[in-house]
Amino acid sequence: MGPLDSLNHLLNFLAPAFWMALFMAMLGPLVLRSPRGLRRSAQWLLDFAVCSAVLLAGLWITGRDGKMLTYGALVLACATSHAVGQRLWRK
């Protein structure tokens, strides 16, 4: 596999983390209406890092990419990191 193929596989592997973090950062303030918390760019970086780690852990644990268990954990981890970033426990 060449370098462009490797890059394509890496980008496709991280695409769910990218889009989940982007949608949470953009739509989260509309739903939560939290005045505190991180800016959107910092919140996106936090969510993307957490989602990427979950995808890597799911690949390592299950041995395959794209398992529904991994995607379920992705949603829960992204929601948790978003709540922590927006300091929702202080409402």
Protein backbone atom coordinates (compact mmCIF):
# COMPACT_ATOMS: atom_id res chain seq x y z
CA MET A 1 0.00 0.00 0.00
CA GLY A 2 1.36 3.37 -1.01
CA PRO A 3 1.44 6.58 1.01
CA LEU A 4 -1.67 8.01 -0.64
CA ASP A 5 -3.61 4.82 0.07
CA SER A 6 -2.48 4.94 3.70
CA LEU A 7 -3.56 8.55 3.98
CA ASN A 8 -6.94 7.70 2.44
CA HIS A 9 -7.46 4.87 4.93
CA LEU A 10 -6.49 7.10 7.85
CA LEU A 11 -8.83 9.89 6.77
CA ASN A 12 -11.71 7.46 6.26
CA PHE A 13 -11.02 5.91 9.66
CA LEU A 14 -11.15 9.31 11.40
CA ALA A 15 -14.13 10.66 9.42
CA PRO A 16 -16.78 9.60 12.00
CA ALA A 17 -14.80 11.31 14.77
CA PHE A 18 -14.41 14.46 12.68
CA TRP A 19 -18.09 14.78 11.77
CA MET A 20 -19.38 13.84 15.21
CA ALA A 21 -17.14 16.43 16.87
CA LEU A 22 -18.07 19.07 14.29
CA PHE A 23 -21.81 18.54 14.69
CA MET A 24 -21.55 18.53 18.47
CA ALA A 25 -19.52 21.75 18.47
CA MET A 26 -21.89 23.49 16.06
CA LEU A 27 -25.26 22.22 17.32
CA GLY A 28 -24.43 21.81 21.01
CA PRO A 29 -24.80 25.49 21.92
CA LEU A 30 -28.18 25.63 20.20
CA VAL A 31 -29.49 22.69 22.20
CA LEU A 32 -27.79 23.26 25.55
CA ARG A 33 -27.78 27.07 25.77
CA SER A 34 -24.90 26.95 28.20
CA PRO A 35 -23.24 30.36 28.77
CA ARG A 36 -20.12 28.76 30.27
CA GLY A 37 -17.64 26.46 28.72
CA LEU A 38 -15.12 26.28 25.97
CA ARG A 39 -15.19 28.14 22.68
CA ARG A 40 -16.39 26.17 19.66
CA SER A 41 -12.90 25.55 18.29
CA ALA A 42 -11.58 24.30 21.61
CA GLN A 43 -14.70 22.22 22.13
CA TRP A 44 -14.27 20.70 18.66
CA LEU A 45 -10.64 19.80 19.39
CA LEU A 46 -11.59 18.18 22.69
CA ASP A 47 -14.45 16.20 21.13
CA PHE A 48 -12.31 15.17 18.15
CA ALA A 49 -9.49 13.94 20.38
CA VAL A 50 -11.88 11.92 22.54
CA CYS A 51 -13.71 10.48 19.53
CA SER A 52 -10.44 9.55 17.82
CA ALA A 53 -9.25 7.79 20.96
CA VAL A 54 -12.53 5.85 21.14
CA LEU A 55 -12.19 4.76 17.52
CA LEU A 56 -8.62 3.62 18.12
CA ALA A 57 -9.64 1.75 21.27
CA GLY A 58 -12.52 0.09 19.42
CA LEU A 59 -10.16 -1.01 16.66
CA TRP A 60 -7.70 -2.37 19.19
CA ILE A 61 -10.32 -4.19 21.30
CA THR A 62 -12.47 -5.67 18.54
CA GLY A 63 -9.78 -6.06 15.91
CA ARG A 64 -12.02 -4.51 13.23
CA ASP A 65 -13.09 -1.07 12.20
CA GLY A 66 -16.74 -0.09 12.00
CA LYS A 67 -18.30 -2.19 14.75
CA MET A 68 -21.57 -0.87 16.16
CA LEU A 69 -20.19 -1.23 19.68
CA THR A 70 -17.46 1.25 18.78
CA TYR A 71 -19.93 3.72 17.29
CA GLY A 72 -22.14 3.49 20.38
CA ALA A 73 -19.13 4.19 22.57
CA LEU A 74 -18.23 7.06 20.21
CA VAL A 75 -21.60 8.73 20.81
CA LEU A 76 -21.42 8.30 24.58
CA ALA A 77 -17.83 9.51 24.82
CA CYS A 78 -18.49 12.54 22.62
CA ALA A 79 -21.56 13.51 24.63
CA THR A 80 -19.59 13.15 27.87
CA SER A 81 -16.64 15.20 26.64
CA HIS A 82 -19.02 17.86 25.37
CA ALA A 83 -20.78 18.02 28.74
CA VAL A 84 -17.43 18.33 30.50
CA GLY A 85 -16.27 21.02 28.09
CA GLN A 86 -19.46 23.02 28.61
CA ARG A 87 -19.38 22.51 32.40
CA LEU A 88 -22.93 21.21 32.49
CA TRP A 89 -22.62 19.91 36.04
CA ARG A 90 -22.59 23.54 37.28
CA LYS A 91 -26.04 24.58 36.06
